[in-house]
Amino acid sequence: MAHAEFRSYQRDQVVSFRKTTEDFGGLSNMAPGFPIAMLGHLIRTSEALYQACRFPHMPDVQRMVIVETSPMTAKMKSKPYRKDTRPDWEDVRVPVMRWCLRVKLAQNWETFSALLMATGDRPIVEDSRKDDYWGAKAAEDDLLAGRNVLGRLLMELREIVRSDPDRIAEVLPLDIPQFVLLGHQIPTIKRKMNVVPNQAQVRELTHSAAKKSARKSKQDVLL
């Protein structure tokens, strides 16, 4: 998937997300409310965890990233050190992102699995202003185009929740060199809540998204 092909998506046929406050904003790595506990530390977002994985050889930078309450600040604070990113990052960043999403799911099983299931069978697309690798950008008013790697990883995860949830009972560390956090080998992460997705939550999320879509369609007609 590292060299995923460009794809085009009709806006009205997908579940897209840009802001964390949107109905499906929880799909974003920036979304609060999906904390991750690891090696005695609380990491507030999957974005902070992902950024920390750039710097296994720099525990002070990792610590600076994971203690931030704001995921955007965590990302910005890592920028001055990008030149020191692990040398194989281009090769491992997609497996690292896949792992981060699985950890997010394992540690927030009920809420995140419900959100994934609420997307139904529609394509999941990160609607981005400028990133057509992890997401897709506006090509026309009704079209998004990009590699959408994050969206495709989320769809992959959704299928696991639907057909083989026991695969997320444990999330193994990646088999790559220096997969460490703050000087310690990253351990196997166990699922916190061994339950099926809450169907009431799925219905509520789906209903909310449908209402929002209907309101938007009505506004488009009025315009």
N, C-alpha and C. Protein backbone atom coordinates (compact mmCIF):
# COMPACT_ATOMS: atom_id res chain seq x y z
N MET A 1 0.82 -1.22 0.00
CA MET A 1 0.00 0.00 0.00
C MET A 1 0.85 1.27 0.00
N ALA A 2 2.15 1.11 0.27
CA ALA A 2 3.03 2.28 0.28
C ALA A 2 3.01 3.00 -1.06
N HIS A 3 2.79 2.24 -2.15
CA HIS A 3 2.75 2.82 -3.48
C HIS A 3 1.33 2.69 -4.06
N ALA A 4 0.35 2.98 -3.22
CA ALA A 4 -1.04 2.85 -3.62
C ALA A 4 -1.36 3.75 -4.81
N GLU A 5 -2.23 3.27 -5.66
CA GLU A 5 -2.61 4.03 -6.84
C GLU A 5 -3.56 5.17 -6.46
N PHE A 6 -3.54 6.21 -7.29
CA PHE A 6 -4.52 7.28 -7.15
C PHE A 6 -5.91 6.73 -7.46
N ARG A 7 -6.87 7.19 -6.69
CA ARG A 7 -8.26 6.81 -6.93
C ARG A 7 -9.14 8.05 -6.84
N SER A 8 -10.28 7.97 -7.48
CA SER A 8 -11.25 9.06 -7.42
C SER A 8 -12.48 8.59 -6.67
N TYR A 9 -13.08 9.50 -5.90
CA TYR A 9 -14.23 9.17 -5.07
C TYR A 9 -15.30 10.24 -5.23
N GLN A 10 -16.54 9.82 -5.41
CA GLN A 10 -17.67 10.74 -5.42
C GLN A 10 -18.00 11.11 -3.97
N ARG A 11 -18.04 12.40 -3.68
CA ARG A 11 -18.26 12.86 -2.31
C ARG A 11 -19.53 12.27 -1.69
N ASP A 12 -20.59 12.20 -2.48
CA ASP A 12 -21.87 11.77 -1.92
C ASP A 12 -21.98 10.26 -1.77
N GLN A 13 -20.91 9.54 -2.12
CA GLN A 13 -20.94 8.09 -2.01
C GLN A 13 -19.94 7.55 -1.00
N VAL A 14 -19.30 8.45 -0.24
CA VAL A 14 -18.27 8.02 0.69
C VAL A 14 -18.55 8.56 2.09
N VAL A 15 -17.86 8.00 3.06
CA VAL A 15 -17.76 8.60 4.39
C VAL A 15 -16.44 9.36 4.41
N SER A 16 -16.53 10.68 4.47
CA SER A 16 -15.31 11.48 4.49
C SER A 16 -15.18 12.19 5.84
N PHE A 17 -13.96 12.54 6.17
CA PHE A 17 -13.73 13.27 7.41
C PHE A 17 -12.59 14.25 7.19
N ARG A 18 -12.73 15.41 7.80
CA ARG A 18 -11.67 16.41 7.79
C ARG A 18 -11.47 16.98 9.19
N LYS A 19 -12.55 17.47 9.79
CA LYS A 19 -12.47 18.03 11.13
C LYS A 19 -12.84 16.97 12.17
N THR A 20 -12.19 17.04 13.32
CA THR A 20 -12.46 16.04 14.36
C THR A 20 -13.83 16.23 14.98
N THR A 21 -14.46 17.39 14.77
CA THR A 21 -15.78 17.65 15.33
C THR A 21 -16.92 17.12 14.46
N GLU A 22 -16.60 16.61 13.28
CA GLU A 22 -17.62 16.06 12.39
C GLU A 22 -18.13 14.72 12.91
N ASP A 23 -19.23 14.25 12.34
CA ASP A 23 -19.82 12.98 12.80
C ASP A 23 -18.81 11.84 12.76
N PHE A 24 -17.99 11.80 11.74
CA PHE A 24 -16.99 10.74 11.62
C PHE A 24 -15.57 11.26 11.87
N GLY A 25 -15.49 12.37 12.59
CA GLY A 25 -14.19 12.95 12.90
C GLY A 25 -13.32 12.06 13.76
N GLY A 26 -13.93 11.13 14.48
CA GLY A 26 -13.17 10.20 15.30
C GLY A 26 -12.28 9.27 14.49
N LEU A 27 -12.50 9.21 13.18
CA LEU A 27 -11.64 8.40 12.32
C LEU A 27 -10.27 9.06 12.13
N SER A 28 -10.20 10.35 12.40
CA SER A 28 -8.94 11.08 12.24
C SER A 28 -7.94 10.70 13.33
N ASN A 29 -6.68 10.67 12.98
CA ASN A 29 -5.64 10.44 13.98
C ASN A 29 -5.54 11.59 14.97
N MET A 30 -6.07 12.75 14.60
CA MET A 30 -6.04 13.91 15.47
C MET A 30 -7.17 13.89 16.51
N ALA A 31 -8.10 12.97 16.38
CA ALA A 31 -9.30 12.99 17.22
C ALA A 31 -8.97 12.72 18.68
N PRO A 32 -9.48 13.57 19.59
CA PRO A 32 -9.36 13.27 21.01
C PRO A 32 -10.36 12.19 21.40
N GLY A 33 -10.25 11.70 22.62
CA GLY A 33 -11.21 10.73 23.11
C GLY A 33 -10.86 9.29 22.82
N PHE A 34 -9.66 9.06 22.26
CA PHE A 34 -9.19 7.69 21.99
C PHE A 34 -7.78 7.53 22.56
N PRO A 35 -7.65 7.62 23.89
CA PRO A 35 -6.33 7.58 24.51
C PRO A 35 -5.68 6.20 24.42
N ILE A 36 -4.38 6.20 24.47
CA ILE A 36 -3.59 4.97 24.37
C ILE A 36 -2.63 4.91 25.56
N ALA A 37 -2.69 3.82 26.30
CA ALA A 37 -1.78 3.60 27.42
C ALA A 37 -0.68 2.64 26.98
N MET A 38 0.57 3.06 27.19
CA MET A 38 1.68 2.22 26.74
C MET A 38 2.89 2.45 27.63
N LEU A 39 3.41 1.37 28.19
CA LEU A 39 4.63 1.44 29.01
C LEU A 39 4.49 2.46 30.14
N GLY A 40 3.29 2.54 30.70
CA GLY A 40 3.06 3.43 31.82
C GLY A 40 2.82 4.88 31.44
N HIS A 41 2.67 5.17 30.15
CA HIS A 41 2.46 6.53 29.68
C HIS A 41 1.10 6.62 28.99
N LEU A 42 0.45 7.77 29.15
CA LEU A 42 -0.81 8.03 28.46
C LEU A 42 -0.53 8.85 27.21
N ILE A 43 -0.86 8.30 26.07
CA ILE A 43 -0.69 8.98 24.79
C ILE A 43 -2.08 9.35 24.31
N ARG A 44 -2.32 10.62 24.09
CA ARG A 44 -3.70 11.09 23.93
C ARG A 44 -4.30 10.82 22.55
N THR A 45 -3.45 10.67 21.55
CA THR A 45 -3.98 10.43 20.20
C THR A 45 -3.08 9.47 19.43
N SER A 46 -3.65 8.84 18.43
CA SER A 46 -2.84 7.97 17.56
C SER A 46 -1.86 8.79 16.73
N GLU A 47 -2.16 10.07 16.49
CA GLU A 47 -1.21 10.93 15.77
C GLU A 47 0.08 11.10 16.56
N ALA A 48 -0.04 11.34 17.87
CA ALA A 48 1.15 11.50 18.70
C ALA A 48 1.97 10.21 18.72
N LEU A 49 1.29 9.07 18.78
CA LEU A 49 1.99 7.78 18.77
C LEU A 49 2.73 7.60 17.44
N TYR A 50 2.08 7.91 16.35
CA TYR A 50 2.68 7.77 15.03
C TYR A 50 3.92 8.66 14.90
N GLN A 51 3.79 9.92 15.32
CA GLN A 51 4.93 10.84 15.21
C GLN A 51 6.09 10.38 16.09
N ALA A 52 5.79 9.85 17.27
CA ALA A 52 6.85 9.37 18.17
C ALA A 52 7.63 8.23 17.53
N CYS A 53 6.95 7.44 16.71
CA CYS A 53 7.62 6.29 16.09
C CYS A 53 8.67 6.70 15.06
N ARG A 54 8.69 7.97 14.67
CA ARG A 54 9.73 8.46 13.77
C ARG A 54 11.11 8.45 14.44
N PHE A 55 11.12 8.57 15.76
CA PHE A 55 12.36 8.90 16.47
C PHE A 55 12.70 7.88 17.55
N PRO A 56 12.83 6.60 17.22
CA PRO A 56 13.12 5.60 18.25
C PRO A 56 14.47 5.83 18.93
N HIS A 57 15.37 6.49 18.23
CA HIS A 57 16.72 6.74 18.73
C HIS A 57 16.81 8.06 19.49
N MET A 58 15.67 8.77 19.64
CA MET A 58 15.65 10.08 20.30
C MET A 58 14.53 10.11 21.34
N PRO A 59 14.73 9.44 22.48
CA PRO A 59 13.67 9.36 23.49
C PRO A 59 13.20 10.71 24.00
N ASP A 60 14.08 11.71 24.04
CA ASP A 60 13.65 13.03 24.50
C ASP A 60 12.64 13.65 23.54
N VAL A 61 12.84 13.44 22.25
CA VAL A 61 11.88 13.94 21.26
C VAL A 61 10.58 13.15 21.37
N GLN A 62 10.67 11.85 21.52
CA GLN A 62 9.46 11.04 21.71
C GLN A 62 8.66 11.54 22.91
N ARG A 63 9.35 11.80 24.01
CA ARG A 63 8.67 12.25 25.22
C ARG A 63 7.99 13.60 24.98
N MET A 64 8.68 14.50 24.32
CA MET A 64 8.12 15.82 24.01
C MET A 64 6.84 15.69 23.18
N VAL A 65 6.82 14.73 22.27
CA VAL A 65 5.66 14.53 21.40
C VAL A 65 4.49 13.92 22.16
N ILE A 66 4.74 12.89 22.96
CA ILE A 66 3.62 12.16 23.56
C ILE A 66 3.00 12.87 24.77
N VAL A 67 3.72 13.84 25.37
CA VAL A 67 3.14 14.53 26.52
C VAL A 67 2.21 15.66 26.10
N GLU A 68 2.25 16.05 24.84
CA GLU A 68 1.41 17.15 24.37
C GLU A 68 -0.07 16.77 24.42
N THR A 69 -0.88 17.71 24.88
CA THR A 69 -2.33 17.48 24.89
C THR A 69 -2.94 17.72 23.52
N SER A 70 -2.32 18.58 22.72
CA SER A 70 -2.83 18.88 21.38
C SER A 70 -2.09 18.04 20.35
N PRO A 71 -2.80 17.25 19.55
CA PRO A 71 -2.13 16.44 18.52
C PRO A 71 -1.45 17.29 17.46
N MET A 72 -2.03 18.44 17.12
CA MET A 72 -1.40 19.30 16.14
C MET A 72 -0.10 19.88 16.68
N THR A 73 -0.11 20.26 17.97
CA THR A 73 1.12 20.76 18.59
C THR A 73 2.17 19.67 18.62
N ALA A 74 1.75 18.44 18.92
CA ALA A 74 2.69 17.32 18.93
C ALA A 74 3.33 17.15 17.56
N LYS A 75 2.52 17.27 16.52
CA LYS A 75 3.05 17.13 15.16
C LYS A 75 4.01 18.27 14.83
N MET A 76 3.63 19.50 15.21
CA MET A 76 4.46 20.65 14.92
C MET A 76 5.78 20.60 15.69
N LYS A 77 5.73 20.12 16.93
CA LYS A 77 6.95 20.06 17.73
C LYS A 77 7.95 19.05 17.17
N SER A 78 7.45 18.08 16.44
CA SER A 78 8.37 17.09 15.86
C SER A 78 9.03 17.59 14.58
N LYS A 79 8.47 18.65 13.99
CA LYS A 79 8.96 19.10 12.67
C LYS A 79 10.44 19.49 12.65
N PRO A 80 10.93 20.22 13.66
CA PRO A 80 12.36 20.59 13.61
C PRO A 80 13.30 19.39 13.60
N TYR A 81 12.78 18.23 13.97
CA TYR A 81 13.62 17.03 14.06
C TYR A 81 13.40 16.08 12.88
N ARG A 82 12.63 16.51 11.89
CA ARG A 82 12.32 15.62 10.78
C ARG A 82 13.57 15.11 10.07
N LYS A 83 14.60 15.94 10.05
CA LYS A 83 15.85 15.51 9.41
C LYS A 83 16.47 14.32 10.13
N ASP A 84 16.05 14.10 11.39
CA ASP A 84 16.58 12.99 12.19
C ASP A 84 15.63 11.79 12.20
N THR A 85 14.59 11.84 11.37
CA THR A 85 13.66 10.72 11.26
C THR A 85 14.42 9.43 10.94
N ARG A 86 13.95 8.31 11.49
CA ARG A 86 14.63 7.04 11.23
C ARG A 86 14.83 6.85 9.73
N PRO A 87 15.97 6.37 9.29
CA PRO A 87 16.31 6.36 7.86
C PRO A 87 15.41 5.50 6.99
N ASP A 88 14.74 4.52 7.59
CA ASP A 88 13.87 3.64 6.80
C ASP A 88 12.41 4.07 6.86
N TRP A 89 12.15 5.32 7.25
CA TRP A 89 10.78 5.76 7.50
C TRP A 89 9.86 5.59 6.29
N GLU A 90 10.36 5.90 5.11
CA GLU A 90 9.53 5.77 3.91
C GLU A 90 9.08 4.33 3.70
N ASP A 91 9.89 3.39 4.13
CA ASP A 91 9.56 1.97 3.97
C ASP A 91 8.62 1.47 5.06
N VAL A 92 8.72 2.05 6.26
CA VAL A 92 7.96 1.50 7.39
C VAL A 92 6.76 2.35 7.79
N ARG A 93 6.58 3.54 7.22
CA ARG A 93 5.54 4.44 7.73
C ARG A 93 4.13 3.87 7.56
N VAL A 94 3.88 3.14 6.49
CA VAL A 94 2.54 2.56 6.33
C VAL A 94 2.31 1.43 7.34
N PRO A 95 3.24 0.48 7.50
CA PRO A 95 3.06 -0.50 8.58
C PRO A 95 2.93 0.14 9.96
N VAL A 96 3.67 1.22 10.21
CA VAL A 96 3.55 1.91 11.50
C VAL A 96 2.16 2.51 11.64
N MET A 97 1.64 3.13 10.59
CA MET A 97 0.29 3.70 10.66
C MET A 97 -0.75 2.60 10.88
N ARG A 98 -0.61 1.49 10.17
CA ARG A 98 -1.53 0.36 10.36
C ARG A 98 -1.50 -0.10 11.83
N TRP A 99 -0.30 -0.21 12.38
CA TRP A 99 -0.15 -0.63 13.77
C TRP A 99 -0.78 0.39 14.72
N CYS A 100 -0.55 1.68 14.49
CA CYS A 100 -1.14 2.73 15.34
C CYS A 100 -2.67 2.65 15.34
N LEU A 101 -3.26 2.43 14.18
CA LEU A 101 -4.72 2.33 14.09
C LEU A 101 -5.23 1.11 14.84
N ARG A 102 -4.50 0.02 14.76
CA ARG A 102 -4.91 -1.19 15.48
C ARG A 102 -4.79 -1.01 16.98
N VAL A 103 -3.77 -0.29 17.41
CA VAL A 103 -3.63 0.00 18.84
C VAL A 103 -4.76 0.92 19.29
N LYS A 104 -5.08 1.92 18.48
CA LYS A 104 -6.21 2.81 18.79
C LYS A 104 -7.49 2.01 18.95
N LEU A 105 -7.72 1.05 18.08
CA LEU A 105 -8.90 0.21 18.16
C LEU A 105 -8.86 -0.69 19.39
N ALA A 106 -7.72 -1.34 19.61
CA ALA A 106 -7.61 -2.29 20.72
C ALA A 106 -7.84 -1.61 22.07
N GLN A 107 -7.41 -0.36 22.20
CA GLN A 107 -7.52 0.32 23.49
C GLN A 107 -8.79 1.14 23.61
N ASN A 108 -9.54 1.22 22.54
CA ASN A 108 -10.83 1.94 22.57
C ASN A 108 -11.85 1.11 21.80
N TRP A 109 -11.93 -0.16 22.15
CA TRP A 109 -12.63 -1.13 21.32
C TRP A 109 -14.08 -0.76 21.07
N GLU A 110 -14.81 -0.50 22.12
CA GLU A 110 -16.25 -0.31 21.94
C GLU A 110 -16.56 0.93 21.10
N THR A 111 -15.92 2.05 21.44
CA THR A 111 -16.25 3.29 20.75
C THR A 111 -15.71 3.32 19.32
N PHE A 112 -14.47 2.88 19.13
CA PHE A 112 -13.89 2.98 17.79
C PHE A 112 -14.44 1.92 16.84
N SER A 113 -14.71 0.73 17.35
CA SER A 113 -15.31 -0.29 16.48
C SER A 113 -16.72 0.12 16.07
N ALA A 114 -17.46 0.75 17.00
CA ALA A 114 -18.80 1.23 16.66
C ALA A 114 -18.74 2.29 15.57
N LEU A 115 -17.76 3.18 15.67
CA LEU A 115 -17.61 4.22 14.66
C LEU A 115 -17.27 3.61 13.30
N LEU A 116 -16.37 2.65 13.28
CA LEU A 116 -16.02 1.99 12.03
C LEU A 116 -17.22 1.28 11.41
N MET A 117 -17.99 0.59 12.24
CA MET A 117 -19.15 -0.14 11.73
C MET A 117 -20.24 0.81 11.23
N ALA A 118 -20.30 2.00 11.81
CA ALA A 118 -21.31 2.97 11.39
C ALA A 118 -21.05 3.50 9.98
N THR A 119 -19.87 3.27 9.44
CA THR A 119 -19.59 3.69 8.06
C THR A 119 -20.20 2.76 7.03
N GLY A 120 -20.74 1.63 7.48
CA GLY A 120 -21.37 0.68 6.56
C GLY A 120 -20.37 0.09 5.59
N ASP A 121 -20.75 0.08 4.32
CA ASP A 121 -19.86 -0.46 3.28
C ASP A 121 -19.30 0.64 2.38
N ARG A 122 -19.49 1.88 2.79
CA ARG A 122 -19.03 2.99 1.95
C ARG A 122 -17.51 3.17 2.05
N PRO A 123 -16.88 3.64 1.00
CA PRO A 123 -15.46 3.98 1.08
C PRO A 123 -15.23 5.03 2.16
N ILE A 124 -14.13 4.91 2.88
CA ILE A 124 -13.74 5.89 3.88
C ILE A 124 -12.62 6.73 3.28
N VAL A 125 -12.78 8.05 3.33
CA VAL A 125 -11.82 8.94 2.68
C VAL A 125 -11.47 10.09 3.62
N GLU A 126 -10.18 10.31 3.82
CA GLU A 126 -9.75 11.52 4.51
C GLU A 126 -9.77 12.67 3.50
N ASP A 127 -10.65 13.63 3.74
CA ASP A 127 -10.80 14.79 2.86
C ASP A 127 -9.75 15.82 3.27
N SER A 128 -8.71 15.94 2.48
CA SER A 128 -7.57 16.79 2.85
C SER A 128 -7.42 17.96 1.89
N ARG A 129 -6.98 19.09 2.43
CA ARG A 129 -6.74 20.25 1.56
C ARG A 129 -5.49 20.07 0.71
N LYS A 130 -4.47 19.37 1.25
CA LYS A 130 -3.19 19.33 0.53
C LYS A 130 -2.49 17.98 0.50
N ASP A 131 -3.00 17.00 1.21
CA ASP A 131 -2.32 15.70 1.28
C ASP A 131 -3.09 14.66 0.49
N ASP A 132 -2.58 14.32 -0.69
CA ASP A 132 -3.26 13.29 -1.49
C ASP A 132 -2.54 11.95 -1.39
N TYR A 133 -1.67 11.80 -0.39
CA TYR A 133 -1.08 10.49 -0.10
C TYR A 133 -1.90 9.79 0.98
N TRP A 134 -1.95 10.36 2.17
CA TRP A 134 -2.76 9.76 3.24
C TRP A 134 -4.25 9.96 2.98
N GLY A 135 -4.59 11.05 2.30
CA GLY A 135 -5.98 11.35 2.03
C GLY A 135 -6.24 11.57 0.55
N ALA A 136 -7.28 12.37 0.28
CA ALA A 136 -7.63 12.72 -1.10
C ALA A 136 -8.03 14.19 -1.12
N LYS A 137 -7.69 14.87 -2.20
CA LYS A 137 -7.97 16.30 -2.32
C LYS A 137 -9.13 16.52 -3.30
N ALA A 138 -9.74 17.70 -3.18
CA ALA A 138 -10.82 18.05 -4.08
C ALA A 138 -10.28 18.16 -5.50
N ALA A 139 -10.86 17.38 -6.40
CA ALA A 139 -10.51 17.46 -7.82
C ALA A 139 -11.56 18.28 -8.56
N GLU A 140 -12.80 18.10 -8.16
CA GLU A 140 -13.92 18.89 -8.64
C GLU A 140 -14.85 19.07 -7.45
N ASP A 141 -15.94 19.80 -7.64
CA ASP A 141 -16.85 20.05 -6.52
C ASP A 141 -17.36 18.76 -5.90
N ASP A 142 -17.60 17.76 -6.71
CA ASP A 142 -18.20 16.53 -6.20
C ASP A 142 -17.23 15.35 -6.23
N LEU A 143 -15.93 15.64 -6.38
CA LEU A 143 -14.96 14.55 -6.56
C LEU A 143 -13.74 14.77 -5.68
N LEU A 144 -13.29 13.68 -5.05
CA LEU A 144 -12.03 13.67 -4.30
C LEU A 144 -11.08 12.71 -4.98
N ALA A 145 -9.80 13.07 -5.05
CA ALA A 145 -8.82 12.22 -5.72
C ALA A 145 -7.54 12.14 -4.91
N GLY A 146 -7.00 10.94 -4.79
CA GLY A 146 -5.75 10.76 -4.07
C GLY A 146 -5.49 9.29 -3.79
N ARG A 147 -4.37 9.03 -3.15
CA ARG A 147 -4.06 7.64 -2.78
C ARG A 147 -4.89 7.19 -1.59
N ASN A 148 -5.22 8.14 -0.69
CA ASN A 148 -6.13 7.83 0.41
C ASN A 148 -5.66 6.63 1.24
N VAL A 149 -4.38 6.61 1.55
CA VAL A 149 -3.82 5.45 2.27
C VAL A 149 -4.45 5.31 3.65
N LEU A 150 -4.66 6.43 4.36
CA LEU A 150 -5.29 6.34 5.68
C LEU A 150 -6.70 5.78 5.57
N GLY A 151 -7.48 6.27 4.63
CA GLY A 151 -8.83 5.76 4.45
C GLY A 151 -8.85 4.28 4.13
N ARG A 152 -7.91 3.84 3.32
CA ARG A 152 -7.86 2.43 2.94
C ARG A 152 -7.43 1.55 4.11
N LEU A 153 -6.55 2.06 4.96
CA LEU A 153 -6.19 1.32 6.17
C LEU A 153 -7.38 1.21 7.11
N LEU A 154 -8.18 2.27 7.19
CA LEU A 154 -9.38 2.23 8.03
C LEU A 154 -10.40 1.24 7.48
N MET A 155 -10.54 1.17 6.16
CA MET A 155 -11.45 0.18 5.57
C MET A 155 -10.96 -1.23 5.83
N GLU A 156 -9.66 -1.43 5.78
CA GLU A 156 -9.06 -2.72 6.11
C GLU A 156 -9.39 -3.09 7.55
N LEU A 157 -9.28 -2.12 8.44
CA LEU A 157 -9.57 -2.36 9.85
C LEU A 157 -11.06 -2.64 10.07
N ARG A 158 -11.90 -1.92 9.35
CA ARG A 158 -13.35 -2.15 9.44
C ARG A 158 -13.69 -3.59 9.07
N GLU A 159 -13.06 -4.11 8.05
CA GLU A 159 -13.33 -5.48 7.63
C GLU A 159 -12.89 -6.48 8.70
N ILE A 160 -11.80 -6.18 9.39
CA ILE A 160 -11.36 -7.06 10.48
C ILE A 160 -12.38 -7.04 11.61
N VAL A 161 -12.88 -5.87 11.97
CA VAL A 161 -13.90 -5.77 13.02
C VAL A 161 -15.13 -6.58 12.64
N ARG A 162 -15.50 -6.50 11.38
CA ARG A 162 -16.71 -7.17 10.91
C ARG A 162 -16.55 -8.69 10.84
N SER A 163 -15.42 -9.15 10.34
CA SER A 163 -15.31 -10.57 10.01
C SER A 163 -14.40 -11.37 10.93
N ASP A 164 -13.46 -10.70 11.60
CA ASP A 164 -12.50 -11.45 12.41
C ASP A 164 -11.99 -10.60 13.58
N PRO A 165 -12.89 -10.18 14.48
CA PRO A 165 -12.49 -9.26 15.55
C PRO A 165 -11.44 -9.82 16.50
N ASP A 166 -11.33 -11.14 16.58
CA ASP A 166 -10.32 -11.72 17.47
C ASP A 166 -8.90 -11.39 17.03
N ARG A 167 -8.74 -10.95 15.78
CA ARG A 167 -7.40 -10.55 15.33
C ARG A 167 -6.90 -9.33 16.09
N ILE A 168 -7.82 -8.60 16.72
CA ILE A 168 -7.43 -7.40 17.46
C ILE A 168 -7.43 -7.68 18.96
N ALA A 169 -7.57 -8.94 19.35
CA ALA A 169 -7.47 -9.27 20.78
C ALA A 169 -6.09 -8.89 21.31
N GLU A 170 -5.09 -9.02 20.45
CA GLU A 170 -3.74 -8.58 20.77
C GLU A 170 -3.14 -7.91 19.54
N VAL A 171 -2.39 -6.85 19.77
CA VAL A 171 -1.68 -6.18 18.68
C VAL A 171 -0.20 -6.36 18.94
N LEU A 172 0.44 -7.14 18.10
CA LEU A 172 1.86 -7.43 18.28
C LEU A 172 2.72 -6.25 17.84
N PRO A 173 3.88 -6.08 18.45
CA PRO A 173 4.80 -5.04 17.97
C PRO A 173 5.28 -5.37 16.56
N LEU A 174 5.62 -4.35 15.82
CA LEU A 174 6.11 -4.56 14.46
C LEU A 174 7.49 -5.22 14.48
N ASP A 175 7.71 -6.05 13.50
CA ASP A 175 9.00 -6.72 13.37
C ASP A 175 9.92 -5.86 12.50
N ILE A 176 10.31 -4.72 13.08
CA ILE A 176 11.23 -3.81 12.41
C ILE A 176 12.31 -3.41 13.41
N PRO A 177 13.46 -2.98 12.92
CA PRO A 177 14.52 -2.58 13.86
C PRO A 177 14.10 -1.40 14.72
N GLN A 178 14.58 -1.38 15.94
CA GLN A 178 14.40 -0.24 16.84
C GLN A 178 12.94 0.19 16.96
N PHE A 179 12.07 -0.77 17.23
CA PHE A 179 10.67 -0.41 17.47
C PHE A 179 10.51 -0.20 18.97
N VAL A 180 10.90 1.00 19.40
CA VAL A 180 10.99 1.29 20.83
C VAL A 180 10.31 2.61 21.16
N LEU A 181 9.91 2.74 22.43
CA LEU A 181 9.35 3.98 22.94
C LEU A 181 10.06 4.32 24.24
N LEU A 182 10.69 5.48 24.26
CA LEU A 182 11.40 5.97 25.45
C LEU A 182 12.43 4.96 25.94
N GLY A 183 13.11 4.33 25.00
CA GLY A 183 14.18 3.42 25.34
C GLY A 183 13.75 2.00 25.66
N HIS A 184 12.45 1.71 25.57
CA HIS A 184 11.94 0.38 25.89
C HIS A 184 11.30 -0.25 24.65
N GLN A 185 11.49 -1.55 24.50
CA GLN A 185 10.83 -2.27 23.42
C GLN A 185 9.31 -2.14 23.57
N ILE A 186 8.64 -1.84 22.48
CA ILE A 186 7.18 -1.73 22.52
C ILE A 186 6.59 -3.12 22.70
N PRO A 187 5.69 -3.28 23.68
CA PRO A 187 5.15 -4.61 23.99
C PRO A 187 3.92 -4.95 23.15
N THR A 188 3.44 -6.17 23.31
CA THR A 188 2.14 -6.56 22.76
C THR A 188 1.06 -5.78 23.48
N ILE A 189 0.11 -5.24 22.73
CA ILE A 189 -0.99 -4.46 23.30
C ILE A 189 -2.24 -5.33 23.30
N LYS A 190 -2.84 -5.48 24.45
CA LYS A 190 -4.04 -6.31 24.57
C LYS A 190 -5.29 -5.45 24.49
N ARG A 191 -6.34 -6.02 23.93
CA ARG A 191 -7.60 -5.30 23.82
C ARG A 191 -8.17 -5.04 25.20
N LYS A 192 -8.65 -3.83 25.40
CA LYS A 192 -9.14 -3.45 26.73
C LYS A 192 -10.54 -3.95 27.00
N MET A 193 -11.40 -3.92 25.98
CA MET A 193 -12.80 -4.31 26.18
C MET A 193 -13.13 -5.41 25.19
N ASN A 194 -13.25 -6.62 25.67
CA ASN A 194 -13.51 -7.77 24.81
C ASN A 194 -15.01 -7.90 24.58
N VAL A 195 -15.57 -6.92 23.86
CA VAL A 195 -17.01 -6.89 23.62
C VAL A 195 -17.26 -6.65 22.14
N VAL A 196 -18.45 -6.99 21.69
CA VAL A 196 -18.83 -6.70 20.31
C VAL A 196 -19.19 -5.23 20.23
N PRO A 197 -19.16 -4.63 19.04
CA PRO A 197 -19.56 -3.23 18.91
C PRO A 197 -20.95 -3.00 19.48
N ASN A 198 -21.12 -1.89 20.17
CA ASN A 198 -22.39 -1.50 20.77
C ASN A 198 -23.36 -1.11 19.65
N GLN A 199 -24.39 -1.92 19.44
CA GLN A 199 -25.30 -1.70 18.31
C GLN A 199 -26.09 -0.41 18.46
N ALA A 200 -26.37 -0.01 19.70
CA ALA A 200 -27.07 1.26 19.92
C ALA A 200 -26.20 2.42 19.44
N GLN A 201 -24.91 2.33 19.70
CA GLN A 201 -24.00 3.37 19.23
C GLN A 201 -23.93 3.39 17.71
N VAL A 202 -23.89 2.22 17.11
CA VAL A 202 -23.85 2.14 15.65
C VAL A 202 -25.09 2.81 15.05
N ARG A 203 -26.27 2.50 15.59
CA ARG A 203 -27.51 3.09 15.09
C ARG A 203 -27.52 4.60 15.27
N GLU A 204 -27.04 5.05 16.44
CA GLU A 204 -27.04 6.49 16.72
C GLU A 204 -26.10 7.23 15.77
N LEU A 205 -24.89 6.68 15.57
CA LEU A 205 -23.94 7.31 14.67
C LEU A 205 -24.45 7.33 13.23
N THR A 206 -25.02 6.22 12.79
CA THR A 206 -25.54 6.13 11.43
C THR A 206 -26.69 7.11 11.22
N HIS A 207 -27.59 7.19 12.21
CA HIS A 207 -28.73 8.10 12.13
C HIS A 207 -28.25 9.54 12.08
N SER A 208 -27.27 9.88 12.92
CA SER A 208 -26.74 11.23 12.95
C SER A 208 -26.10 11.61 11.63
N ALA A 209 -25.33 10.69 11.06
CA ALA A 209 -24.67 10.95 9.77
C ALA A 209 -25.70 11.12 8.66
N ALA A 210 -26.77 10.31 8.69
CA ALA A 210 -27.82 10.40 7.67
C ALA A 210 -28.54 11.74 7.75
N LYS A 211 -28.82 12.20 8.97
CA LYS A 211 -29.49 13.49 9.15
C LYS A 211 -28.63 14.63 8.63
N LYS A 212 -27.33 14.55 8.92
CA LYS A 212 -26.42 15.60 8.46
C LYS A 212 -26.36 15.61 6.94
N SER A 213 -26.30 14.43 6.32
CA SER A 213 -26.25 14.34 4.87
C SER A 213 -27.52 14.92 4.24
N ALA A 214 -28.67 14.64 4.88
CA ALA A 214 -29.94 15.16 4.37
C ALA A 214 -29.99 16.68 4.46
N ARG A 215 -29.47 17.23 5.57
CA ARG A 215 -29.44 18.69 5.73
C ARG A 215 -28.56 19.32 4.66
N LYS A 216 -27.40 18.70 4.40
CA LYS A 216 -26.48 19.24 3.39
C LYS A 216 -27.12 19.20 2.01
N SER A 217 -27.82 18.11 1.69
CA SER A 217 -28.47 17.99 0.38
C SER A 217 -29.53 19.08 0.21
N LYS A 218 -30.26 19.34 1.30
CA LYS A 218 -31.30 20.38 1.26
C LYS A 218 -30.68 21.75 1.02
N GLN A 219 -29.55 22.01 1.71
CA GLN A 219 -28.87 23.29 1.52
C GLN A 219 -28.36 23.43 0.10
N ASP A 220 -27.83 22.34 -0.47
CA ASP A 220 -27.33 22.39 -1.84
C ASP A 220 -28.44 22.73 -2.82
N VAL A 221 -29.63 22.17 -2.57
CA VAL A 221 -30.78 22.45 -3.44
C VAL A 221 -31.16 23.93 -3.35
N LEU A 222 -31.15 24.46 -2.10
CA LEU A 222 -31.51 25.86 -1.91
C LEU A 222 -30.51 26.80 -2.58
N LEU A 223 -29.24 26.36 -2.60
CA LEU A 223 -28.21 27.18 -3.25
C LEU A 223 -28.35 27.11 -4.78
